[in-house]
C-alpha atoms as a PDB file:
ATOM      1  CA  MET A   1     -34.800   7.607 -28.365  1.00  0.00           C
ATOM      2  CA  ALA A   2     -35.428   8.356 -24.895  1.00  0.00           C
ATOM      3  CA  GLN A   3     -34.492   4.709 -23.505  1.00  0.00           C
ATOM      4  CA  ARG A   4     -31.704   4.641 -25.663  1.00  0.00           C
ATOM      5  CA  GLY A   5     -30.458   8.338 -23.791  1.00  0.00           C
ATOM      6  CA  ALA A   6     -31.379   7.483 -19.697  1.00  0.00           C
ATOM      7  CA  GLY A   7     -29.582   4.058 -21.116  1.00  0.00           C
ATOM      8  CA  TYR A   8     -27.011   5.938 -22.626  1.00  0.00           C
ATOM      9  CA  LEU A   9     -26.372   8.564 -19.085  1.00  0.00           C
ATOM     10  CA  LYS A  10     -26.901   5.458 -16.983  1.00  0.00           C
ATOM     11  CA  THR A  11     -22.804   3.661 -18.327  1.00  0.00           C
ATOM     12  CA  LEU A  12     -21.998   7.125 -18.189  1.00  0.00           C
ATOM     13  CA  ARG A  13     -23.359   8.013 -14.401  1.00  0.00           C
ATOM     14  CA  GLU A  14     -21.133   4.186 -13.588  1.00  0.00           C
ATOM     15  CA  ARG A  15     -18.055   4.674 -16.012  1.00  0.00           C
ATOM     16  CA  ALA A  16     -17.706   8.095 -13.810  1.00  0.00           C
ATOM     17  CA  LYS A  17     -17.547   6.131 -10.364  1.00  0.00           C
ATOM     18  CA  GLN A  18     -14.564   4.695 -11.326  1.00  0.00           C
ATOM     19  CA  SER A  19     -10.250   4.681 -10.973  1.00  0.00           C
ATOM     20  CA  LYS A  20      -8.695   6.307 -13.919  1.00  0.00           C
ATOM     21  CA  VAL A  21      -5.386   6.323 -13.381  1.00  0.00           C
ATOM     22  CA  TYR A  22      -2.688   6.505 -15.976  1.00  0.00           C
ATOM     23  CA  GLN A  23       0.362   8.254 -13.784  1.00  0.00           C
ATOM     24  CA  LYS A  24       2.220   6.318 -11.121  1.00  0.00           C
ATOM     25  CA  HIS A  25       1.633   8.565  -7.988  1.00  0.00           C
ATOM     26  CA  GLN A  26      -1.792   8.651  -9.416  1.00  0.00           C
ATOM     27  CA  LEU A  27      -2.112   5.334  -8.562  1.00  0.00           C
ATOM     28  CA  THR A  28       0.322   5.389  -5.150  1.00  0.00           C
ATOM     29  CA  GLY A  29      -2.743   7.591  -4.559  1.00  0.00           C
ATOM     30  CA  LEU A  30      -5.372   6.066  -4.916  1.00  0.00           C
ATOM     31  CA  GLU A  31      -3.211   2.835  -2.394  1.00  0.00           C
ATOM     32  CA  ILE A  32      -2.224   4.931   0.804  1.00  0.00           C
ATOM     33  CA  ALA A  33      -5.592   6.597   1.187  1.00  0.00           C
ATOM     34  CA  LYS A  34      -6.616   2.657   0.689  1.00  0.00           C
ATOM     35  CA  ILE A  35      -4.494   2.081   3.386  1.00  0.00           C
ATOM     36  CA  LEU A  36      -5.441   4.218   5.612  1.00  0.00           C
ATOM     37  CA  HIS A  37      -8.838   3.829   5.218  1.00  0.00           C
ATOM     38  CA  ASP A  38      -9.211   7.340   4.139  1.00  0.00           C
ATOM     39  CA  GLU A  39     -10.371   7.611   0.460  1.00  0.00           C
ATOM     40  CA  ARG A  40     -12.674  11.198   1.332  1.00  0.00           C
ATOM     41  CA  HIS A  41      -8.476  12.007   0.718  1.00  0.00           C
ATOM     42  CA  LYS A  42      -6.726  10.418  -1.807  1.00  0.00           C
ATOM     43  CA  SER A  43      -6.467  14.232  -4.150  1.00  0.00           C
ATOM     44  CA  LEU A  44      -4.333  15.061  -1.285  1.00  0.00           C
ATOM     45  CA  TYR A  45      -2.298  11.752  -0.641  1.00  0.00           C
ATOM     46  CA  ILE A  46      -1.865  11.522  -4.942  1.00  0.00           C
ATOM     47  CA  LYS A  47      -0.592  15.243  -4.346  1.00  0.00           C
ATOM     48  CA  LEU A  48       2.177  13.688  -1.714  1.00  0.00           C
ATOM     49  CA  ALA A  49       2.944  10.558  -3.555  1.00  0.00           C
ATOM     50  CA  LYS A  50       3.876  13.738  -7.174  1.00  0.00           C
ATOM     51  CA  GLU A  51       5.559  15.741  -5.264  1.00  0.00           C
ATOM     52  CA  MET A  52       7.971  13.195  -2.451  1.00  0.00           C
ATOM     53  CA  LYS A  53       9.715   9.779  -2.601  1.00  0.00           C
ATOM     54  CA  GLY A  54       5.809   6.833  -3.144  1.00  0.00           C
ATOM     55  CA  ASP A  55       8.489   4.478  -2.473  1.00  0.00           C
ATOM     56  CA  GLU A  56       9.266   6.368   1.126  1.00  0.00           C
ATOM     57  CA  LEU A  57       4.752   7.269   1.647  1.00  0.00           C
ATOM     58  CA  LEU A  58       3.688   3.576   1.214  1.00  0.00           C
ATOM     59  CA  ARG A  59       6.173   2.407   4.070  1.00  0.00           C
ATOM     60  CA  LEU A  60       5.049   5.018   6.037  1.00  0.00           C
ATOM     61  CA  ALA A  61       1.526   4.745   5.238  1.00  0.00           C
ATOM     62  CA  LYS A  62       1.448   1.048   6.459  1.00  0.00           C
ATOM     63  CA  ASP A  63       3.747   1.382   9.689  1.00  0.00           C
ATOM     64  CA  VAL A  64       0.874   3.520  10.965  1.00  0.00           C
ATOM     65  CA  ALA A  65      -1.645   1.135   9.242  1.00  0.00           C
ATOM     66  CA  GLU A  66      -0.292  -0.588  11.872  1.00  0.00           C
ATOM     67  CA  ARG A  67      -0.502   0.519  14.733  1.00  0.00           C
ATOM     68  CA  SER A  68      -3.616  -0.163  16.884  1.00  0.00           C
ATOM     69  CA  ASN A  69      -3.609   2.438  19.312  1.00  0.00           C
ATOM     70  CA  VAL A  70      -4.365   5.888  16.694  1.00  0.00           C
ATOM     71  CA  LYS A  71      -7.583   6.956  15.567  1.00  0.00           C
ATOM     72  CA  ASN A  72      -7.105   8.350  13.168  1.00  0.00           C
ATOM     73  CA  LYS A  73      -4.093   7.642  10.918  1.00  0.00           C
ATOM     74  CA  GLY A  74      -5.021   9.954   8.192  1.00  0.00           C
ATOM     75  CA  ALA A  75      -4.443  12.714  10.580  1.00  0.00           C
ATOM     76  CA  TYR A  76      -1.805  10.665  12.546  1.00  0.00           C
ATOM     77  CA  PHE A  77       0.503   9.977   8.887  1.00  0.00           C
ATOM     78  CA  MET A  78       0.198  13.423   8.181  1.00  0.00           C
ATOM     79  CA  ARG A  79       1.731  14.623  11.174  1.00  0.00           C
ATOM     80  CA  ILE A  80       4.449  13.044  10.348  1.00  0.00           C
ATOM     81  CA  ILE A  81       5.128  13.770   7.342  1.00  0.00           C
ATOM     82  CA  LYS A  82       5.580  17.408   8.378  1.00  0.00           C
ATOM     83  CA  ALA A  83       7.567  16.451  11.057  1.00  0.00           C
END
């Protein structure tokens, strides 16, 4: 029985690592985090996508990602959003 339990727990841990997307704003927020290479703040981007227009945020994130002189793309993106 212990062998089965260990395998089941391992399966649950692996499943927990995968992102689950149920709404459009969740997908948009995850895409923004990926574009900006800022996976650490993905929940912030999901919240922004829920409150603001997702298409505009994606366009802005792509614009920021293309700028080579920006060191912290996530912070720069947030600075533009708040301005």
